[in-house]
Protein backbone atom coordinates (compact mmCIF):
# COMPACT_ATOMS: atom_id res chain seq x y z
CA MET A 1 9.20 24.96 12.24
CA ALA A 2 8.40 23.48 9.33
CA LYS A 3 10.38 20.14 8.85
CA GLU A 4 11.88 19.74 5.26
CA ALA A 5 11.64 16.05 2.57
CA THR A 6 13.64 15.29 -0.30
CA THR A 7 11.83 12.85 -2.41
CA ILE A 8 12.29 10.97 -5.54
CA TYR A 9 10.32 9.30 -8.43
CA ILE A 10 12.13 7.41 -11.13
CA ASP A 11 10.01 6.34 -14.09
CA ASP A 12 10.79 4.96 -16.97
CA SER A 13 11.71 8.44 -18.36
CA ALA A 14 12.99 10.44 -16.17
CA ILE A 15 14.43 10.50 -12.27
CA TRP A 16 12.24 13.43 -10.51
CA VAL A 17 13.64 14.94 -7.42
CA LEU A 18 11.95 17.55 -4.82
CA VAL A 19 13.37 19.34 -2.08
CA ALA A 20 10.45 21.54 0.47
CA LYS A 21 10.40 22.68 3.67
CA GLY A 22 6.59 22.28 4.71
CA ARG A 23 4.84 23.10 1.85
CA GLN A 24 7.42 25.30 0.14
CA PRO A 25 9.38 24.09 -2.50
CA GLN A 26 13.08 24.75 -2.42
CA LYS A 27 15.18 22.85 -5.10
CA TRP A 28 13.33 20.69 -8.30
CA ALA A 29 15.38 18.97 -10.65
CA SER A 30 15.08 15.84 -13.21
CA MET A 31 17.23 14.06 -15.53
CA ALA A 32 15.84 12.15 -18.64
CA LEU A 33 16.90 8.54 -18.93
CA GLU A 34 18.17 6.82 -21.95
CA SER A 35 15.56 3.98 -23.32
CA GLY A 36 15.89 0.25 -21.37
CA LEU A 37 17.05 1.16 -18.50
CA VAL A 38 13.71 1.59 -16.28
CA LYS A 39 10.87 -0.63 -17.90
CA ALA A 40 7.08 -0.89 -16.62
CA GLY A 41 8.73 0.72 -13.08
CA VAL A 42 11.47 -2.09 -12.92
CA ILE A 43 15.09 -0.49 -12.74
CA LEU A 44 16.87 -3.04 -15.09
CA ASP A 45 20.08 -1.63 -15.07
CA GLU A 46 20.96 -0.19 -11.22
CA GLY A 47 24.45 0.96 -11.89
CA ALA A 48 24.06 2.88 -14.84
CA VAL A 49 20.34 4.60 -13.13
CA ALA A 50 22.28 5.20 -9.52
CA SER A 51 24.86 6.98 -11.32
CA LYS A 52 22.09 9.32 -12.75
CA VAL A 53 21.25 10.13 -8.52
CA ARG A 54 24.44 10.58 -7.97
CA GLU A 55 24.90 13.47 -10.89
CA LEU A 56 21.47 14.81 -10.06
CA TRP A 57 22.92 15.09 -6.15
CA GLN A 58 25.82 16.72 -6.85
CA SER A 59 24.71 18.92 -9.56
CA GLN A 60 21.74 19.86 -7.50
CA LYS A 61 23.80 20.49 -4.15
CA ILE A 62 21.57 18.36 -2.18
CA GLY A 63 22.93 18.01 1.20
CA THR A 64 21.04 15.07 2.31
CA GLY A 65 20.62 11.28 1.43
CA ARG A 66 17.56 11.01 4.14
CA VAL A 67 14.69 10.15 0.63
CA ILE A 68 11.19 9.50 1.08
CA ALA A 69 11.15 7.51 -2.18
CA GLY A 70 8.17 6.95 -4.36
CA ILE A 71 7.57 3.49 -7.12
CA SER A 72 5.44 3.06 -10.27
CA GLY A 73 2.11 1.79 -9.36
CA ILE A 74 2.18 -0.43 -12.31
CA ASN A 75 1.39 -4.35 -10.99
CA CYS A 76 0.46 -3.23 -7.97
CA LEU A 77 -2.43 -4.79 -6.50
CA TYR A 78 -4.90 -2.59 -4.04
CA ARG A 79 -7.91 -4.14 -1.85
CA LEU A 80 -10.28 -2.39 0.91
CA ILE A 81 -10.87 -5.44 2.92
CA THR A 82 -13.58 -6.23 6.14
CA LEU A 83 -12.29 -7.93 8.87
CA PRO A 84 -14.10 -9.06 12.45
CA GLU A 85 -12.59 -6.83 15.17
CA LEU A 86 -9.36 -8.53 16.38
CA PRO A 87 -6.98 -8.02 18.97
CA LYS A 88 -4.14 -5.42 17.72
CA GLU A 89 -1.50 -8.43 17.93
CA LEU A 90 -3.37 -10.87 15.62
CA LEU A 91 -4.28 -8.89 13.29
CA PRO A 92 -1.15 -8.49 11.11
CA GLU A 93 -1.64 -12.76 10.50
CA ALA A 94 -5.49 -12.39 9.84
CA ILE A 95 -4.15 -9.22 7.25
CA LYS A 96 -1.63 -11.60 5.36
CA ARG A 97 -4.45 -14.56 5.45
CA GLU A 98 -6.77 -12.82 3.72
CA ALA A 99 -4.35 -11.05 1.82
CA GLY A 100 -3.68 -14.80 0.00
CA ARG A 101 -7.26 -15.01 0.04
CA VAL A 102 -8.60 -11.95 -2.49
CA LEU A 103 -5.40 -10.87 -4.23
CA GLY A 104 -4.81 -13.91 -6.69
CA VAL A 105 -1.37 -13.85 -6.50
CA PRO A 106 1.30 -15.78 -4.41
CA LEU A 107 2.54 -13.36 -1.47
CA GLU A 108 6.46 -14.23 -1.90
CA GLN A 109 6.26 -12.38 -4.93
CA VAL A 110 5.08 -9.16 -3.50
CA TYR A 111 5.27 -6.82 -0.22
CA LEU A 112 1.94 -5.81 1.74
CA SER A 113 1.45 -2.49 3.13
CA TRP A 114 -1.81 -2.02 4.89
CA GLN A 115 -3.31 0.37 7.56
CA THR A 116 -7.08 0.49 9.34
CA ILE A 117 -9.70 2.87 8.56
CA PRO A 118 -12.75 4.14 10.56
CA SER A 119 -15.32 1.92 10.44
CA LEU A 120 -18.67 0.80 12.41
CA THR A 121 -17.87 -0.70 15.40
CA GLY A 122 -17.34 -4.92 15.28
CA GLU A 123 -15.53 -4.80 12.35
CA THR A 124 -12.23 -4.06 10.89
CA LEU A 125 -11.43 -2.01 7.68
CA VAL A 126 -8.29 -2.65 6.08
CA TYR A 127 -6.86 -0.76 2.95
CA LEU A 128 -4.69 -3.35 1.71
CA ALA A 129 -1.55 -2.64 -0.95
CA ALA A 130 0.52 -5.05 -2.20
CA SER A 131 3.66 -3.83 -4.78
CA PRO A 132 5.81 -6.53 -6.77
CA ARG A 133 9.01 -7.26 -4.96
CA ASN A 134 11.41 -6.71 -8.17
CA THR A 135 10.20 -3.33 -8.68
CA VAL A 136 10.51 -2.48 -4.62
CA ASP A 137 13.57 -4.28 -4.53
CA GLY A 138 15.94 -2.55 -7.41
CA LEU A 139 14.51 0.69 -6.24
CA ILE A 140 15.92 0.21 -2.68
CA SER A 141 19.13 -0.97 -4.05
CA THR A 142 19.83 1.54 -7.16
CA LEU A 143 18.93 4.40 -4.11
CA ARG A 144 21.43 2.52 -1.69
CA LYS A 145 24.02 2.06 -4.70
CA ALA A 146 23.40 5.93 -5.48
CA GLY A 147 24.47 6.86 -1.55
CA LEU A 148 21.07 7.70 -0.67
CA ASN A 149 18.88 6.01 2.79
CA PRO A 150 15.07 5.62 1.54
CA HIS A 151 13.68 5.71 4.87
CA ILE A 152 10.12 6.14 4.12
CA MET A 153 8.45 4.90 0.37
CA ASP A 154 5.06 5.61 -1.41
CA LEU A 155 3.17 3.94 -4.27
CA LYS A 156 2.68 6.78 -7.18
CA PRO A 157 -1.56 5.99 -7.40
CA LEU A 158 -2.04 6.90 -3.48
CA ALA A 159 0.44 9.75 -3.93
CA LEU A 160 -1.07 11.33 -6.30
CA ALA A 161 -4.53 10.38 -4.32
CA ARG A 162 -3.23 12.92 -1.36
CA THR A 163 -3.25 16.08 -3.58
CA SER A 164 -6.83 16.00 -4.44
CA THR A 165 -8.91 18.19 -2.24
CA GLU A 166 -11.91 16.90 -3.78
CA PRO A 167 -13.41 13.67 -1.01
CA ARG A 168 -14.77 12.25 -4.78
CA ALA A 169 -12.75 12.59 -7.67
CA ILE A 170 -11.36 10.81 -10.24
CA ILE A 171 -7.64 11.48 -11.17
CA ILE A 172 -5.43 10.82 -13.87
CA ASP A 173 -2.05 11.73 -14.51
CA VAL A 174 0.17 10.87 -17.63
CA GLU A 175 3.62 10.62 -18.42
CA PRO A 176 5.53 9.91 -21.14
CA ALA A 177 5.62 5.90 -20.54
CA SER A 178 2.75 5.36 -18.17
CA PHE A 179 -0.77 6.97 -17.09
CA ASP A 180 -2.58 6.59 -13.82
CA ILE A 181 -6.32 6.36 -12.93
CA VAL A 182 -7.21 6.86 -9.01
CA ILE A 183 -11.52 6.96 -8.43
CA MET A 184 -11.34 8.46 -5.09
CA ALA A 185 -14.82 7.91 -2.85
CA GLU A 186 -15.39 9.15 0.87
CA LYS A 187 -11.84 10.24 1.12
CA ILE A 188 -10.74 6.67 0.10
CA PRO A 189 -8.78 5.18 -3.13
CA GLN A 190 -11.37 2.88 -3.93
CA VAL A 191 -10.43 1.97 -7.86
CA ILE A 192 -6.58 2.43 -9.27
CA ARG A 193 -5.16 1.66 -13.19
CA SER A 194 -1.60 2.11 -13.92
CA VAL A 195 -1.22 1.28 -17.26
CA PRO A 196 2.42 1.02 -19.55
CA LEU A 197 2.40 3.02 -22.45
CA THR A 198 4.88 3.34 -25.92
CA GLN A 199 6.94 6.10 -24.49
CA GLU A 200 7.35 7.55 -28.31
CA ALA A 201 3.89 8.01 -29.13
CA LEU A 202 1.90 11.38 -28.84
CA LEU A 203 -0.49 11.74 -26.50
CA GLU A 204 -3.32 12.35 -29.19
CA GLU A 205 -2.24 8.27 -29.90
CA LYS A 206 -2.74 7.48 -26.49
CA ILE A 207 -6.14 9.24 -25.34
CA ALA A 208 -8.09 6.31 -27.08
CA LEU A 209 -6.43 3.97 -24.66
CA ILE A 210 -6.93 6.30 -21.57
CA ARG A 211 -10.23 6.97 -22.41
CA GLU A 212 -11.37 3.27 -22.58
CA GLU A 213 -9.01 2.46 -18.75
CA LEU A 214 -11.09 5.33 -17.81
CA ASN A 215 -14.61 4.36 -18.79
CA ARG A 216 -13.45 0.80 -17.36
CA ALA A 217 -13.00 2.11 -13.96
CA ILE A 218 -16.00 4.33 -13.63
CA THR A 219 -17.96 1.09 -14.86
CA PHE A 220 -15.90 -1.42 -11.97
CA TYR A 221 -16.89 1.09 -9.23
CA ASN A 222 -20.34 1.61 -10.17
CA SER A 223 -21.17 -2.04 -10.79
CA SER A 224 -20.43 -2.66 -6.60
CA HIS A 225 -21.76 0.93 -5.52
CA ALA A 226 -25.19 1.79 -6.88
CA ASP A 227 -26.14 3.23 -4.10
CA LYS A 228 -23.87 6.01 -4.69
CA PRO A 229 -22.16 6.52 -7.71
CA ILE A 230 -19.61 8.13 -9.70
CA GLY A 231 -21.96 10.48 -11.36
CA ALA A 232 -21.19 13.36 -14.32
CA ASP A 233 -20.79 15.85 -10.98
CA VAL A 234 -18.00 14.03 -10.11
CA PRO A 235 -14.65 16.29 -11.08
CA LEU A 236 -11.84 14.88 -13.19
CA LEU A 237 -8.53 16.16 -11.91
CA VAL A 238 -5.52 15.99 -14.57
CA GLY A 239 -1.48 16.17 -14.41
CA GLY A 240 1.26 15.04 -16.27
CA GLU A 241 1.32 15.65 -20.00
CA LEU A 242 -2.59 16.70 -19.71
CA ALA A 243 -2.44 19.46 -17.46
CA LYS A 244 -1.49 21.82 -20.39
CA ARG A 245 -3.50 19.94 -23.13
CA GLU A 246 -6.82 21.65 -22.91
CA ASP A 247 -7.58 21.02 -26.36
CA VAL A 248 -7.80 16.83 -25.69
CA TRP A 249 -9.71 17.22 -22.52
CA LYS A 250 -13.24 16.66 -23.81
CA LEU A 251 -11.95 13.54 -25.99
CA LEU A 252 -11.49 11.85 -22.64
CA VAL A 253 -15.37 11.99 -21.28
CA GLY A 254 -16.59 11.78 -24.94
CA ARG A 255 -20.43 13.52 -24.74
CA GLN A 256 -21.14 13.44 -20.97
CA PRO A 257 -20.33 16.33 -19.61
CA ARG A 258 -17.94 16.02 -16.74
CA PRO A 259 -16.47 19.45 -14.82
CA ILE A 260 -12.40 18.77 -15.70
CA GLN A 261 -9.32 20.89 -14.09
CA THR A 262 -6.14 20.18 -13.83
CA LEU A 263 -4.76 18.71 -10.30
CA PRO A 264 -4.83 20.86 -7.28
CA VAL A 265 -1.11 21.93 -6.11
CA PRO A 266 -1.83 22.04 -2.24
CA VAL A 267 1.94 23.75 -1.69
CA GLU A 268 3.52 26.65 -2.41
CA THR A 269 4.10 27.13 -6.34
CA PRO A 270 6.95 30.03 -7.53
CA GLU A 271 6.03 31.61 -10.65
CA THR A 272 9.48 29.13 -11.76
CA PHE A 273 7.98 25.86 -10.27
CA PRO A 274 6.09 23.32 -12.78
CA SER A 275 3.97 21.75 -10.34
CA SER A 276 2.27 19.65 -12.90
CA GLN A 277 5.48 17.55 -13.56
CA TYR A 278 6.29 17.18 -9.91
CA ILE A 279 2.78 15.83 -8.85
CA THR A 280 3.94 12.78 -7.46
CA ASN A 281 6.80 14.36 -5.78
CA ILE A 282 4.23 16.59 -4.29
CA GLY A 283 2.36 13.86 -2.60
CA LEU A 284 5.50 12.44 -0.90
CA VAL A 285 6.12 15.74 0.42
CA LEU A 286 2.43 15.66 1.68
CA LYS A 287 2.87 12.22 3.54
CA LYS A 288 5.20 14.55 6.01
CA VAL A 289 3.29 17.81 5.80
CA LEU A 290 -0.16 16.02 6.75
CA GLY A 291 1.48 14.10 9.52
CA SER A 292 3.28 17.28 11.28
CA GLU A 293 1.42 20.59 10.22
CA LYS A 294 -1.09 21.50 12.67
CA GLY A 295 -4.96 21.62 11.62
CA ALA A 296 -3.44 19.99 7.96
CA VAL A 297 -6.78 18.44 6.14
CA ALA A 298 -6.02 15.05 4.48
CA TYR A 299 -8.38 14.57 1.42
CA SER A 300 -7.03 10.95 1.23
CA LEU A 301 -7.32 8.74 4.41
CA VAL A 302 -5.08 6.49 3.30
CA ASN A 303 -0.96 7.41 4.64
CA PHE A 304 1.31 4.48 5.29
CA ASN A 305 4.76 3.88 4.76
CA ALA A 306 4.88 1.16 2.17
CA LEU A 307 8.91 0.59 2.66
CA PRO A 308 8.78 -3.38 3.57
CA GLU A 309 9.86 -3.90 7.03
CA ILE A 310 12.91 -5.45 5.68
CA TYR A 311 14.25 -2.41 4.75
CA ILE A 312 13.55 -0.50 7.80
CA PRO A 313 16.58 -0.07 10.08
CA LYS A 314 16.06 -1.73 13.89
CA PRO A 315 16.60 0.31 16.67
CA ARG A 316 19.90 0.21 18.64
CA PRO A 317 19.14 -2.00 21.70
CA LEU A 318 19.31 0.30 24.96
CA SER A 319 22.08 -2.57 26.50
CA GLN A 320 24.67 -0.60 23.62
CA PHE A 321 23.89 2.42 25.34
CA LEU A 322 24.45 1.35 29.06
CA LEU A 323 27.53 -1.24 28.18
CA ILE A 324 30.25 1.34 29.50
CA PRO A 325 28.61 3.01 32.74
CA THR A 326 27.36 -0.88 33.19
CA ILE A 327 31.01 -2.15 33.16
CA ILE A 328 31.93 0.90 35.46
CA VAL A 329 29.42 0.18 37.95
CA GLY A 330 30.35 -3.52 37.44
CA ILE A 331 33.72 -2.63 38.83
CA ALA A 332 32.78 -1.28 41.67
CA ALA A 333 30.53 -3.39 42.38
CA VAL A 334 33.96 -5.90 42.60
CA VAL A 335 35.69 -3.48 44.38
CA PHE A 336 32.91 -3.50 47.38
CA ALA A 337 32.24 -6.74 47.56
CA PHE A 338 35.93 -7.49 47.75
CA ASN A 339 35.98 -5.03 51.06
CA VAL A 340 33.37 -6.37 52.66
CA ASN A 341 34.86 -10.05 52.13
CA ILE A 342 37.96 -8.93 53.82
CA ARG A 343 35.80 -7.85 56.79
CA ALA A 344 33.35 -10.76 56.73
CA GLN A 345 36.51 -13.34 57.38
CA ALA A 346 36.59 -12.12 61.20
CA HIS A 347 32.96 -13.12 61.70
CA THR A 348 32.21 -16.78 62.92
CA ALA A 349 32.13 -20.27 60.57
CA ALA A 350 28.55 -20.64 62.06
CA LEU A 351 27.30 -17.06 61.62
CA ASN A 352 28.59 -16.99 57.47
CA ALA A 353 26.41 -20.61 56.94
CA GLU A 354 23.40 -19.27 58.38
CA LEU A 355 23.51 -15.74 56.26
CA ALA A 356 23.83 -18.52 52.97
CA ALA A 357 20.85 -20.71 54.52
CA VAL A 358 18.55 -17.54 54.75
CA ASN A 359 19.63 -16.33 50.83
CA ARG A 360 19.06 -20.05 49.56
CA VAL A 361 15.69 -19.32 50.94
CA VAL A 362 14.75 -15.83 49.75
CA ILE A 363 15.72 -16.78 46.39
CA SER A 364 13.82 -19.93 45.97
CA ARG A 365 10.89 -18.34 47.01
CA ARG A 366 11.55 -15.29 44.92
CA ALA A 367 12.19 -17.66 41.83
CA GLN A 368 8.50 -19.68 42.71
CA ALA A 369 7.02 -15.98 42.30
CA ASN A 370 8.23 -15.40 39.46
CA GLU A 371 7.32 -18.44 37.87
CA ILE A 372 3.84 -18.32 38.90
CA ALA A 373 3.54 -14.19 37.50
CA ALA A 374 4.81 -15.36 35.11
CA LEU A 375 2.48 -18.76 34.33
CA SER A 376 -0.38 -16.39 35.24
CA LYS A 377 0.54 -13.36 32.26
CA GLU A 378 0.98 -16.42 29.76
CA LEU A 379 -2.94 -17.91 30.58
CA SER A 380 -4.25 -14.71 30.43
CA SER A 381 -2.73 -14.26 26.94
CA LEU A 382 -3.46 -17.63 25.60
CA GLU A 383 -7.11 -17.14 26.90
CA ALA A 384 -7.34 -13.88 24.53
CA THR A 385 -5.63 -15.58 22.01
CA ALA A 386 -8.35 -18.45 22.00
CA ASN A 387 -11.37 -16.67 22.34
CA ALA A 388 -10.24 -13.75 19.14
CA PHE A 389 -9.90 -17.43 16.96
CA THR A 390 -13.15 -18.34 18.32
CA THR A 391 -15.02 -15.42 17.34
CA THR A 392 -12.65 -15.28 13.39
CA LEU A 393 -13.79 -18.96 13.04
CA GLY A 394 -17.07 -18.26 13.80
CA SER A 395 -17.40 -15.23 11.16
CA PHE A 396 -15.68 -17.32 8.54
CA THR A 397 -18.19 -20.55 9.00
CA ALA A 398 -21.03 -17.67 9.01
CA GLY A 399 -20.43 -16.88 5.19
CA ARG A 400 -19.29 -19.77 3.98
CA ASP A 401 -22.86 -21.45 2.62
CA THR A 402 -23.26 -18.11 1.07
CA ILE A 403 -20.02 -18.23 -0.87
CA ASN A 404 -20.89 -22.04 -1.65
CA SER A 405 -24.36 -21.17 -2.69
CA ASP A 406 -22.58 -18.26 -5.00
CA LEU A 407 -20.33 -20.93 -6.72
CA SER A 408 -22.55 -23.16 -7.39
CA GLN A 409 -25.16 -20.66 -9.20
CA ILE A 410 -21.59 -19.84 -11.40
CA ASN A 411 -20.59 -23.52 -12.39
CA LYS A 412 -24.19 -24.20 -12.66
CA SER A 413 -25.13 -21.31 -15.31
CA LEU A 414 -22.16 -23.18 -17.15
CA SER A 415 -24.70 -24.98 -18.59
CA VAL A 416 -26.06 -22.62 -21.45
CA GLY A 417 -22.70 -24.03 -22.92
CA GLY A 418 -19.61 -22.26 -24.80
CA VAL A 419 -18.10 -20.84 -21.43
CA ILE A 420 -15.13 -22.27 -19.31
CA LEU A 421 -13.99 -20.13 -16.27
CA GLU A 422 -10.39 -19.45 -15.38
CA ASN A 423 -10.67 -17.57 -12.14
CA VAL A 424 -13.26 -16.65 -9.39
CA THR A 425 -12.90 -13.80 -7.27
CA HIS A 426 -15.17 -13.46 -3.91
CA ASN A 427 -15.22 -10.84 -2.14
CA GLY A 428 -18.25 -10.30 0.30
CA ASN A 429 -20.46 -9.24 -2.01
CA ALA A 430 -18.63 -8.67 -4.70
CA VAL A 431 -17.88 -11.59 -7.43
CA THR A 432 -15.40 -11.28 -10.64
CA VAL A 433 -15.77 -13.95 -12.61
CA LYS A 434 -12.80 -14.53 -15.78
CA GLY A 435 -13.27 -16.62 -18.66
CA LEU A 436 -13.03 -17.44 -22.02
CA ALA A 437 -16.07 -18.26 -24.97
CA ALA A 438 -16.63 -19.77 -27.90
CA GLY A 439 -18.27 -16.30 -28.86
CA GLU A 440 -19.81 -13.25 -27.81
CA ASP A 441 -23.26 -14.86 -27.55
CA ALA A 442 -21.75 -17.31 -25.38
CA VAL A 443 -21.20 -14.35 -22.82
CA PHE A 444 -24.10 -12.89 -22.95
CA SER A 445 -26.29 -16.33 -22.34
CA TYR A 446 -24.07 -16.77 -19.46
CA ALA A 447 -24.28 -13.23 -17.92
CA ARG A 448 -28.31 -13.37 -18.60
CA ASP A 449 -28.35 -16.97 -16.80
CA LEU A 450 -26.38 -15.55 -13.63
CA ARG A 451 -28.91 -12.43 -13.86
CA ALA A 452 -32.19 -14.58 -14.25
CA SER A 453 -31.18 -17.07 -11.03
CA GLY A 454 -31.75 -14.18 -8.53
CA ARG A 455 -28.45 -14.89 -6.83
CA PHE A 456 -26.70 -11.73 -7.88
CA ALA A 457 -28.56 -7.96 -7.90
CA LEU A 458 -26.37 -7.14 -10.77
CA VAL A 459 -24.65 -8.74 -13.24
CA VAL A 460 -22.26 -6.74 -15.63
CA ILE A 461 -19.81 -7.46 -18.16
CA THR A 462 -16.43 -5.20 -17.52
CA GLU A 463 -14.24 -6.72 -19.81
CA MET A 464 -14.28 -8.82 -23.41
CA ALA A 465 -11.68 -9.23 -26.00
CA ARG A 466 -10.99 -11.37 -28.92
CA GLN A 467 -7.68 -13.92 -28.41
CA GLU A 468 -5.57 -15.51 -31.30
CA GLY A 469 -7.68 -19.01 -32.24
CA GLY A 470 -11.00 -17.06 -32.34
CA LYS A 471 -12.04 -17.15 -28.59
CA ILE A 472 -13.24 -14.35 -26.84
CA SER A 473 -11.70 -13.41 -22.98
CA PHE A 474 -14.22 -11.84 -20.75
CA THR A 475 -14.50 -10.38 -17.05
CA LEU A 476 -18.26 -9.99 -15.48
CA ALA A 477 -18.76 -8.17 -12.32
CA ALA A 478 -21.46 -9.64 -10.14
CA THR A 479 -23.05 -7.77 -7.03
CA LYS A 480 -24.97 -9.37 -4.07
């Protein structure tokens, strides 16, 4: 029998709720939010929003407080990282260390979520997501004030990716105050952009920014996947405000033809159900459906619970359930021991002394045996840990020279003049360089020098913008 799932997603403009039984929507409702209660996905007035949630629950007569919650993708980060093959117990710490290196933000400001992806033998492929603590803490606190129990959480872009029925696709979902772009390749959300919008602006006014971010996302992906780029045959799947505005679809792709259609809805759609408005909630419902439905096909391999560990209730220890039976057994044991003691007094003192001596020997030898077994187990564990760290260290050392050589060339090319580096991110075969330049010519000269060095197979200028004071900020993507 299909299980019921109750989902809730809160953005800057409204609260969205969908209750489904398997793939069958049962109830759906939304409630508009006044401006300023939520901004860029962060709940600023928890009390007011919690009151709205309670009102929505009461008006719809929703009987459960156990929910699957979604958060905005704004300011979230995503990385696909490769690690050596490690023992399961060492993987969390290795991922945390690698996250600190590749994310470029202090880890104390974010919550990390991850899952392993099937990969080649000898390596571990990990999909990593980082969500801002203030966004997550605000949502969980608000839902709890409303009397709800969020037991599963997901990021909106990952929920959107789960609705796709294409292993390679470009997804765009536009809401009044934000839009999300997801590039799917080989069933993995490879590039994600979540951008806030001016809520009062018309859709036609937002198209230019959406198209610019779309082109930037495709260029970024193709610069590091030249062997299998996102071509014109990869479909564009649209949702939200775009779903019913076919008149503006062609403005998104410009002159380059590309198949465009609405995001698929892999659930039953009653005639009155506005599926395009609840596409995020549908993705949240699919978290449970894909995990329980026999024969279900998932076109996104990413499906982890992003709820931070501190918000997951700890299971009650078995000792709490066994407390009363243990007391009863203890009382019975005391009574039995008392009777035995009465009978034992009839025995001679010599027999008692002999029995005590034998007991001491047995206890001593048993303690020695337990100590030896514990030491042996600890020794085996330490040997396994040492071997794993030795392997990991060897892997990191092997790549150190390559990284040093790349960084040396990146600094050497500054000799063209007029360029100041702000940030360099090295991720295996992909390097991202951010900086300031005196002018556009300096940026082009710097990029040409990097290409001419022969160190990189491809150098692409992915972003360039004029700052106050006339300086040019730029971003380069270099591929080995």
